[in-house]
C-alpha atoms as a PDB file:
ATOM      1  CA  MET A   1      -5.743 -63.064  -3.299  1.00  0.00           C
ATOM      2  CA  HIS A   2      -1.951 -63.355  -3.315  1.00  0.00           C
ATOM      3  CA  THR A   3      -1.590 -66.437  -5.420  1.00  0.00           C
ATOM      4  CA  GLU A   4       0.673 -65.201  -8.216  1.00  0.00           C
ATOM      5  CA  THR A   5       4.421 -65.481  -8.259  1.00  0.00           C
ATOM      6  CA  THR A   6       6.081 -62.634  -6.327  1.00  0.00           C
ATOM      7  CA  LEU A   7       8.931 -62.465  -8.837  1.00  0.00           C
ATOM      8  CA  SER A   8       6.867 -60.634 -11.464  1.00  0.00           C
ATOM      9  CA  SER A   9       5.920 -57.575  -9.428  1.00  0.00           C
ATOM     10  CA  THR A  10       7.863 -54.283  -9.533  1.00  0.00           C
ATOM     11  CA  PRO A  11      11.318 -54.329 -11.166  1.00  0.00           C
ATOM     12  CA  ALA A  12      12.970 -53.094  -7.947  1.00  0.00           C
ATOM     13  CA  LEU A  13      11.415 -55.839  -5.874  1.00  0.00           C
ATOM     14  CA  SER A  14      12.123 -58.466  -8.473  1.00  0.00           C
ATOM     15  CA  LYS A  15      15.745 -57.421  -8.553  1.00  0.00           C
ATOM     16  CA  ALA A  16      16.059 -57.400  -4.750  1.00  0.00           C
ATOM     17  CA  THR A  17      14.356 -60.785  -4.210  1.00  0.00           C
ATOM     18  CA  HIS A  18      16.569 -62.259  -6.929  1.00  0.00           C
ATOM     19  CA  SER A  19      19.731 -61.063  -5.197  1.00  0.00           C
ATOM     20  CA  TYR A  20      18.290 -62.215  -1.874  1.00  0.00           C
ATOM     21  CA  SER A  21      17.594 -65.710  -3.298  1.00  0.00           C
ATOM     22  CA  ILE A  22      21.203 -65.975  -4.462  1.00  0.00           C
ATOM     23  CA  THR A  23      22.526 -64.960  -1.072  1.00  0.00           C
ATOM     24  CA  TYR A  24      20.367 -67.476   0.786  1.00  0.00           C
ATOM     25  CA  SER A  25      20.888 -70.441  -1.593  1.00  0.00           C
ATOM     26  CA  ALA A  26      23.804 -72.888  -1.653  1.00  0.00           C
ATOM     27  CA  PRO A  27      26.676 -70.934  -3.342  1.00  0.00           C
ATOM     28  CA  LEU A  28      28.328 -71.847  -6.517  1.00  0.00           C
ATOM     29  CA  PRO A  29      32.100 -72.500  -6.540  1.00  0.00           C
ATOM     30  CA  ASP A  30      34.192 -69.427  -7.069  1.00  0.00           C
ATOM     31  CA  SER A  31      35.482 -70.849 -10.338  1.00  0.00           C
ATOM     32  CA  VAL A  32      31.900 -71.053 -11.690  1.00  0.00           C
ATOM     33  CA  ALA A  33      31.079 -67.512 -10.448  1.00  0.00           C
ATOM     34  CA  ALA A  34      34.226 -66.387 -12.308  1.00  0.00           C
ATOM     35  CA  VAL A  35      32.843 -67.697 -15.571  1.00  0.00           C
ATOM     36  CA  HIS A  36      29.632 -65.711 -14.990  1.00  0.00           C
ATOM     37  CA  ALA A  37      31.675 -62.513 -14.502  1.00  0.00           C
ATOM     38  CA  ARG A  38      33.888 -63.336 -17.449  1.00  0.00           C
ATOM     39  CA  THR A  39      30.807 -63.877 -19.652  1.00  0.00           C
ATOM     40  CA  LEU A  40      29.284 -60.504 -18.675  1.00  0.00           C
ATOM     41  CA  GLU A  41      32.544 -58.860 -19.598  1.00  0.00           C
ATOM     42  CA  PHE A  42      32.683 -60.768 -22.909  1.00  0.00           C
ATOM     43  CA  CYS A  43      29.095 -59.710 -23.782  1.00  0.00           C
ATOM     44  CA  GLU A  44      29.712 -56.078 -22.892  1.00  0.00           C
ATOM     45  CA  GLN A  45      32.859 -55.875 -25.004  1.00  0.00           C
ATOM     46  CA  ARG A  46      31.079 -57.416 -28.024  1.00  0.00           C
ATOM     47  CA  GLY A  47      27.680 -55.789 -27.668  1.00  0.00           C
ATOM     48  CA  ILE A  48      26.032 -59.253 -27.152  1.00  0.00           C
ATOM     49  CA  ASP A  49      22.881 -59.605 -25.118  1.00  0.00           C
ATOM     50  CA  PRO A  50      23.849 -61.572 -21.921  1.00  0.00           C
ATOM     51  CA  VAL A  51      20.339 -63.048 -21.969  1.00  0.00           C
ATOM     52  CA  TYR A  52      21.935 -66.129 -23.593  1.00  0.00           C
ATOM     53  CA  MET A  53      23.359 -66.969 -20.142  1.00  0.00           C
ATOM     54  CA  ILE A  54      21.154 -68.118 -17.324  1.00  0.00           C
ATOM     55  CA  SER A  55      21.102 -66.174 -14.027  1.00  0.00           C
ATOM     56  CA  PRO A  56      23.162 -67.204 -10.926  1.00  0.00           C
ATOM     57  CA  SER A  57      19.969 -68.273  -9.155  1.00  0.00           C
ATOM     58  CA  GLU A  58      18.947 -70.499 -12.060  1.00  0.00           C
ATOM     59  CA  ALA A  59      22.447 -71.985 -12.046  1.00  0.00           C
ATOM     60  CA  GLN A  60      22.025 -72.652  -8.362  1.00  0.00           C
ATOM     61  CA  PHE A  61      18.671 -74.289  -9.031  1.00  0.00           C
ATOM     62  CA  LEU A  62      20.223 -76.619 -11.729  1.00  0.00           C
ATOM     63  CA  ALA A  63      23.100 -77.503  -9.473  1.00  0.00           C
ATOM     64  CA  PHE A  64      20.717 -78.232  -6.617  1.00  0.00           C
ATOM     65  CA  LEU A  65      18.542 -80.403  -8.838  1.00  0.00           C
ATOM     66  CA  ALA A  66      21.519 -82.293 -10.134  1.00  0.00           C
ATOM     67  CA  ARG A  67      22.727 -83.057  -6.607  1.00  0.00           C
ATOM     68  CA  MET A  68      19.233 -83.919  -5.315  1.00  0.00           C
ATOM     69  CA  MET A  69      18.756 -86.402  -8.157  1.00  0.00           C
ATOM     70  CA  GLY A  70      22.230 -87.882  -7.840  1.00  0.00           C
ATOM     71  CA  ALA A  71      22.573 -87.450 -11.570  1.00  0.00           C
ATOM     72  CA  LYS A  72      25.082 -89.742 -13.261  1.00  0.00           C
ATOM     73  CA  ARG A  73      24.666 -88.407 -16.779  1.00  0.00           C
ATOM     74  CA  VAL A  74      23.682 -84.850 -17.610  1.00  0.00           C
ATOM     75  CA  LEU A  75      22.903 -83.433 -21.055  1.00  0.00           C
ATOM     76  CA  GLU A  76      22.748 -79.774 -22.006  1.00  0.00           C
ATOM     77  CA  ILE A  77      21.616 -78.412 -25.430  1.00  0.00           C
ATOM     78  CA  GLY A  78      22.882 -74.865 -25.768  1.00  0.00           C
ATOM     79  CA  THR A  79      26.307 -74.267 -24.202  1.00  0.00           C
ATOM     80  CA  PHE A  80      26.884 -70.459 -24.724  1.00  0.00           C
ATOM     81  CA  THR A  81      30.020 -69.858 -22.655  1.00  0.00           C
ATOM     82  CA  GLY A  82      29.713 -73.028 -20.498  1.00  0.00           C
ATOM     83  CA  TYR A  83      28.434 -71.410 -17.331  1.00  0.00           C
ATOM     84  CA  SER A  84      25.409 -73.678 -16.842  1.00  0.00           C
ATOM     85  CA  ALA A  85      27.343 -76.775 -17.750  1.00  0.00           C
ATOM     86  CA  LEU A  86      29.976 -75.961 -15.218  1.00  0.00           C
ATOM     87  CA  ALA A  87      27.448 -75.239 -12.464  1.00  0.00           C
ATOM     88  CA  MET A  88      25.958 -78.715 -12.997  1.00  0.00           C
ATOM     89  CA  ALA A  89      29.368 -80.420 -13.466  1.00  0.00           C
ATOM     90  CA  HIS A  90      30.647 -79.075 -10.141  1.00  0.00           C
ATOM     91  CA  ALA A  91      27.486 -80.149  -8.368  1.00  0.00           C
ATOM     92  CA  VAL A  92      27.911 -83.781  -9.454  1.00  0.00           C
ATOM     93  CA  PRO A  93      31.639 -84.237 -10.005  1.00  0.00           C
ATOM     94  CA  ASP A  94      31.306 -87.981 -10.615  1.00  0.00           C
ATOM     95  CA  ALA A  95      28.747 -87.464 -13.344  1.00  0.00           C
ATOM     96  CA  GLU A  96      29.319 -87.168 -17.123  1.00  0.00           C
ATOM     97  CA  VAL A  97      28.070 -83.795 -18.410  1.00  0.00           C
ATOM     98  CA  VAL A  98      27.646 -83.505 -22.203  1.00  0.00           C
ATOM     99  CA  THR A  99      26.934 -80.109 -23.685  1.00  0.00           C
ATOM    100  CA  LEU A 100      25.998 -79.411 -27.292  1.00  0.00           C
ATOM    101  CA  ASP A 101      26.435 -76.302 -29.311  1.00  0.00           C
ATOM    102  CA  LEU A 102      27.394 -75.097 -32.781  1.00  0.00           C
ATOM    103  CA  GLN A 103      31.077 -74.883 -33.579  1.00  0.00           C
ATOM    104  CA  ASP A 104      30.703 -71.209 -34.552  1.00  0.00           C
ATOM    105  CA  ALA A 105      28.127 -70.293 -31.960  1.00  0.00           C
ATOM    106  CA  VAL A 106      28.304 -67.005 -30.154  1.00  0.00           C
ATOM    107  CA  GLY A 107      30.590 -67.650 -27.214  1.00  0.00           C
ATOM    108  CA  ALA A 108      31.995 -70.901 -28.608  1.00  0.00           C
ATOM    109  CA  GLU A 109      35.685 -69.939 -28.170  1.00  0.00           C
ATOM    110  CA  LEU A 110      35.083 -68.741 -24.584  1.00  0.00           C
ATOM    111  CA  ALA A 111      33.162 -71.959 -23.863  1.00  0.00           C
ATOM    112  CA  ARG A 112      36.147 -74.058 -24.992  1.00  0.00           C
ATOM    113  CA  GLU A 113      38.440 -72.063 -22.772  1.00  0.00           C
ATOM    114  CA  ASN A 114      36.064 -72.246 -19.732  1.00  0.00           C
ATOM    115  CA  LEU A 115      35.432 -75.969 -20.082  1.00  0.00           C
ATOM    116  CA  ARG A 116      38.983 -77.059 -20.829  1.00  0.00           C
ATOM    117  CA  GLY A 117      39.939 -77.656 -17.217  1.00  0.00           C
ATOM    118  CA  CYS A 118      36.749 -79.461 -16.219  1.00  0.00           C
ATOM    119  CA  GLY A 119      37.352 -83.202 -16.592  1.00  0.00           C
ATOM    120  CA  ASN A 120      33.707 -84.352 -16.383  1.00  0.00           C
ATOM    121  CA  VAL A 121      32.318 -82.041 -19.101  1.00  0.00           C
ATOM    122  CA  ARG A 122      32.417 -83.025 -22.750  1.00  0.00           C
ATOM    123  CA  LEU A 123      31.674 -80.316 -25.308  1.00  0.00           C
ATOM    124  CA  VAL A 124      30.241 -81.692 -28.578  1.00  0.00           C
ATOM    125  CA  GLU A 125      30.244 -79.193 -31.357  1.00  0.00           C
ATOM    126  CA  GLY A 126      27.958 -79.209 -34.423  1.00  0.00           C
ATOM    127  CA  ASP A 127      24.296 -79.024 -35.277  1.00  0.00           C
ATOM    128  CA  ALA A 128      22.553 -80.192 -32.101  1.00  0.00           C
ATOM    129  CA  MET A 129      20.040 -82.352 -34.007  1.00  0.00           C
ATOM    130  CA  GLU A 130      22.862 -84.207 -35.598  1.00  0.00           C
ATOM    131  CA  THR A 131      25.080 -84.443 -32.587  1.00  0.00           C
ATOM    132  CA  LEU A 132      22.137 -85.760 -30.551  1.00  0.00           C
ATOM    133  CA  LYS A 133      22.037 -88.681 -32.835  1.00  0.00           C
ATOM    134  CA  THR A 134      25.653 -89.623 -32.065  1.00  0.00           C
ATOM    135  CA  LEU A 135      24.995 -89.921 -28.380  1.00  0.00           C
ATOM    136  CA  PRO A 136      24.623 -93.506 -27.019  1.00  0.00           C
ATOM    137  CA  PRO A 137      21.212 -93.950 -25.558  1.00  0.00           C
ATOM    138  CA  SER A 138      22.415 -96.065 -22.700  1.00  0.00           C
ATOM    139  CA  PRO A 139      22.807 -95.216 -19.951  1.00  0.00           C
ATOM    140  CA  PRO A 140      20.096 -92.548 -20.432  1.00  0.00           C
ATOM    141  CA  PHE A 141      20.453 -89.018 -19.038  1.00  0.00           C
ATOM    142  CA  ASP A 142      19.110 -88.236 -15.574  1.00  0.00           C
ATOM    143  CA  LEU A 143      18.997 -84.525 -16.109  1.00  0.00           C
ATOM    144  CA  ILE A 144      18.616 -82.649 -19.419  1.00  0.00           C
ATOM    145  CA  PHE A 145      18.738 -78.897 -19.762  1.00  0.00           C
ATOM    146  CA  LEU A 146      17.371 -77.371 -22.995  1.00  0.00           C
ATOM    147  CA  ASP A 147      18.287 -73.776 -23.655  1.00  0.00           C
ATOM    148  CA  ALA A 148      18.882 -73.460 -27.400  1.00  0.00           C
ATOM    149  CA  ASN A 149      17.199 -72.214 -30.526  1.00  0.00           C
ATOM    150  CA  LYS A 150      13.520 -72.170 -29.800  1.00  0.00           C
ATOM    151  CA  ASN A 151      12.457 -73.506 -33.151  1.00  0.00           C
ATOM    152  CA  GLY A 152      14.420 -76.632 -32.212  1.00  0.00           C
ATOM    153  CA  TYR A 153      12.518 -77.279 -28.944  1.00  0.00           C
ATOM    154  CA  ILE A 154      10.098 -79.643 -30.452  1.00  0.00           C
ATOM    155  CA  PRO A 155      12.526 -81.609 -32.646  1.00  0.00           C
ATOM    156  CA  TYR A 156      15.076 -81.931 -29.857  1.00  0.00           C
ATOM    157  CA  THR A 157      12.541 -83.043 -27.249  1.00  0.00           C
ATOM    158  CA  SER A 158      10.766 -85.320 -29.730  1.00  0.00           C
ATOM    159  CA  TYR A 159      14.105 -87.075 -30.442  1.00  0.00           C
ATOM    160  CA  ILE A 160      15.036 -87.285 -26.772  1.00  0.00           C
ATOM    161  CA  LEU A 161      11.759 -88.896 -25.871  1.00  0.00           C
ATOM    162  CA  SER A 162      11.516 -91.252 -28.906  1.00  0.00           C
ATOM    163  CA  GLN A 163      15.009 -92.551 -28.238  1.00  0.00           C
ATOM    164  CA  ARG A 164      14.485 -92.755 -24.476  1.00  0.00           C
ATOM    165  CA  LEU A 165      17.480 -90.496 -23.811  1.00  0.00           C
ATOM    166  CA  LEU A 166      15.771 -89.329 -20.674  1.00  0.00           C
ATOM    167  CA  SER A 167      16.003 -91.950 -17.847  1.00  0.00           C
ATOM    168  CA  PRO A 168      12.800 -93.310 -16.241  1.00  0.00           C
ATOM    169  CA  HIS A 169      13.098 -90.977 -13.324  1.00  0.00           C
ATOM    170  CA  GLY A 170      14.848 -88.188 -15.202  1.00  0.00           C
ATOM    171  CA  ILE A 171      13.850 -84.570 -15.531  1.00  0.00           C
ATOM    172  CA  LEU A 172      14.007 -82.414 -18.668  1.00  0.00           C
ATOM    173  CA  VAL A 173      14.385 -78.710 -17.812  1.00  0.00           C
ATOM    174  CA  VAL A 174      13.372 -76.336 -20.574  1.00  0.00           C
ATOM    175  CA  ASP A 175      14.300 -72.645 -20.352  1.00  0.00           C
ATOM    176  CA  ASN A 176      12.507 -69.534 -21.508  1.00  0.00           C
ATOM    177  CA  THR A 177       9.015 -71.174 -21.644  1.00  0.00           C
ATOM    178  CA  LEU A 178       7.318 -67.828 -20.908  1.00  0.00           C
ATOM    179  CA  SER A 179       9.476 -65.787 -23.305  1.00  0.00           C
ATOM    180  CA  LYS A 180       8.945 -62.365 -21.614  1.00  0.00           C
ATOM    181  CA  GLY A 181       5.177 -62.958 -21.950  1.00  0.00           C
ATOM    182  CA  PHE A 182       5.072 -63.320 -25.707  1.00  0.00           C
ATOM    183  CA  VAL A 183       3.645 -66.800 -25.337  1.00  0.00           C
ATOM    184  CA  LEU A 184       0.469 -65.223 -24.171  1.00  0.00           C
ATOM    185  CA  GLU A 185      -0.395 -63.508 -27.448  1.00  0.00           C
ATOM    186  CA  ASN A 186       0.283 -66.771 -29.291  1.00  0.00           C
ATOM    187  CA  SER A 187      -1.901 -68.907 -27.077  1.00  0.00           C
ATOM    188  CA  PRO A 188      -5.325 -70.124 -28.313  1.00  0.00           C
ATOM    189  CA  PRO A 189      -7.859 -67.267 -28.162  1.00  0.00           C
ATOM    190  CA  GLU A 190     -10.340 -69.347 -26.204  1.00  0.00           C
ATOM    191  CA  GLU A 191      -7.819 -69.576 -23.285  1.00  0.00           C
ATOM    192  CA  GLY A 192      -8.170 -65.844 -22.617  1.00  0.00           C
ATOM    193  CA  PHE A 193      -4.471 -65.042 -22.240  1.00  0.00           C
ATOM    194  CA  ARG A 194      -4.201 -62.629 -25.219  1.00  0.00           C
ATOM    195  CA  GLY A 195      -4.346 -58.792 -24.891  1.00  0.00           C
ATOM    196  CA  VAL A 196      -2.028 -58.359 -21.936  1.00  0.00           C
ATOM    197  CA  GLU A 197       0.445 -55.476 -22.353  1.00  0.00           C
ATOM    198  CA  ILE A 198       4.124 -56.629 -22.489  1.00  0.00           C
ATOM    199  CA  PRO A 199       6.400 -54.011 -20.754  1.00  0.00           C
ATOM    200  CA  GLY A 200       9.378 -53.024 -22.908  1.00  0.00           C
ATOM    201  CA  ARG A 201       7.937 -54.580 -26.003  1.00  0.00           C
ATOM    202  CA  GLU A 202       9.648 -52.052 -28.350  1.00  0.00           C
ATOM    203  CA  GLU A 203      13.011 -52.588 -26.744  1.00  0.00           C
ATOM    204  CA  LEU A 204      12.705 -56.372 -26.834  1.00  0.00           C
ATOM    205  CA  GLY A 205      12.034 -56.305 -30.486  1.00  0.00           C
ATOM    206  CA  LYS A 206      10.954 -58.772 -33.161  1.00  0.00           C
ATOM    207  CA  LYS A 207      13.299 -61.512 -31.947  1.00  0.00           C
ATOM    208  CA  TRP A 208      11.220 -62.164 -28.764  1.00  0.00           C
ATOM    209  CA  GLU A 209       7.963 -62.064 -30.796  1.00  0.00           C
ATOM    210  CA  VAL A 210       9.341 -64.903 -32.941  1.00  0.00           C
ATOM    211  CA  MET A 211      10.708 -66.791 -29.889  1.00  0.00           C
ATOM    212  CA  GLY A 212       7.319 -66.453 -28.180  1.00  0.00           C
ATOM    213  CA  LYS A 213       5.548 -68.025 -31.169  1.00  0.00           C
ATOM    214  CA  GLU A 214       7.964 -70.978 -31.316  1.00  0.00           C
ATOM    215  CA  VAL A 215       7.887 -71.496 -27.578  1.00  0.00           C
ATOM    216  CA  GLN A 216       4.140 -71.397 -27.562  1.00  0.00           C
ATOM    217  CA  ARG A 217       4.195 -74.169 -30.196  1.00  0.00           C
ATOM    218  CA  PHE A 218       6.381 -76.205 -27.912  1.00  0.00           C
ATOM    219  CA  ASN A 219       4.230 -75.609 -24.830  1.00  0.00           C
ATOM    220  CA  GLU A 220       1.116 -76.757 -26.610  1.00  0.00           C
ATOM    221  CA  TRP A 221       2.933 -79.746 -28.058  1.00  0.00           C
ATOM    222  CA  VAL A 222       4.487 -80.981 -24.888  1.00  0.00           C
ATOM    223  CA  ARG A 223       1.236 -80.381 -22.927  1.00  0.00           C
ATOM    224  CA  GLY A 224      -0.655 -82.613 -25.450  1.00  0.00           C
ATOM    225  CA  ARG A 225       1.701 -85.550 -25.252  1.00  0.00           C
ATOM    226  CA  GLU A 226       0.282 -88.571 -23.439  1.00  0.00           C
ATOM    227  CA  ASP A 227       3.697 -89.990 -22.341  1.00  0.00           C
ATOM    228  CA  VAL A 228       4.968 -87.089 -20.236  1.00  0.00           C
ATOM    229  CA  GLU A 229       3.761 -84.553 -17.754  1.00  0.00           C
ATOM    230  CA  VAL A 230       4.853 -80.883 -17.534  1.00  0.00           C
ATOM    231  CA  VAL A 231       4.846 -78.096 -15.014  1.00  0.00           C
ATOM    232  CA  VAL A 232       5.577 -74.562 -16.107  1.00  0.00           C
ATOM    233  CA  VAL A 233       7.166 -72.674 -13.240  1.00  0.00           C
ATOM    234  CA  PRO A 234       6.813 -68.807 -13.479  1.00  0.00           C
ATOM    235  CA  VAL A 235      10.364 -67.919 -12.327  1.00  0.00           C
ATOM    236  CA  TRP A 236      13.199 -66.349 -14.313  1.00  0.00           C
ATOM    237  CA  ASP A 237      11.836 -66.362 -17.965  1.00  0.00           C
ATOM    238  CA  GLY A 238       9.654 -69.442 -17.345  1.00  0.00           C
ATOM    239  CA  VAL A 239      11.131 -72.916 -16.686  1.00  0.00           C
ATOM    240  CA  SER A 240       9.255 -76.074 -17.576  1.00  0.00           C
ATOM    241  CA  LEU A 241      10.065 -79.416 -15.887  1.00  0.00           C
ATOM    242  CA  VAL A 242       9.077 -82.459 -17.965  1.00  0.00           C
ATOM    243  CA  ARG A 243       9.109 -86.082 -16.835  1.00  0.00           C
ATOM    244  CA  TRP A 244       7.695 -89.404 -17.932  1.00  0.00           C
ATOM    245  CA  LYS A 245       4.092 -90.024 -16.787  1.00  0.00           C
ATOM    246  CA  GLY A 246       3.549 -92.834 -14.352  1.00  0.00           C
ATOM    247  CA  VAL A 247       7.152 -92.414 -13.076  1.00  0.00           C
ATOM    248  CA  GLY A 248       6.107 -93.563  -9.582  1.00  0.00           C
ATOM    249  CA  SER A 249       5.176 -96.978 -10.900  1.00  0.00           C
ATOM    250  CA  MET A 250       8.249 -97.415 -13.191  1.00  0.00           C
END
């Protein structure tokens, strides 16, 4: 039965279908594509893993989602070099896009440079948990993209939901919710997901093991909440979409 995602088959097919998807999807502006190229160069020069930046196809997805929703306010937690913030900002030029990151975060200087000319993006620097508390809750955010430190996923989301920062029909997009498969070995034993070999485990290193543990905690936590519903989409490194329950009747 061919029921699994086709994006997790052979590396060659995965790479080809990813490039195909980019080619056949609504293109990003040249200025945004230039930031992607600049970020890759920045990472190569400094020996930084470019995994901190989302892929072009995921950027296209976020841009499409923002346009489809007609988002008026967008929040991002985890700026890196500003690529994803710019993709969403250009998709909804009349919206306010707020992006949060540490002042001394990797890529912070490049992010300031990349975002300087984009009038509808506001970069707020500092500890995300603290800067979240400075944001006015009204009007709430229609689209929130969470791609930051994984041990902050629960605190960030808990605050967002408790303060109703997510609009009644809003979507919270959470990145890396499969964490290269490391969530599997941290899932409850009775669910039967443990014991699957993770390709490239040695090369990925301890960092991904720790991330997998933190992300699994988040996945269990958000699934167990009674006020929201979640779908985990097995594309890229796993993307979860979270929305308020009963949204159709709100």
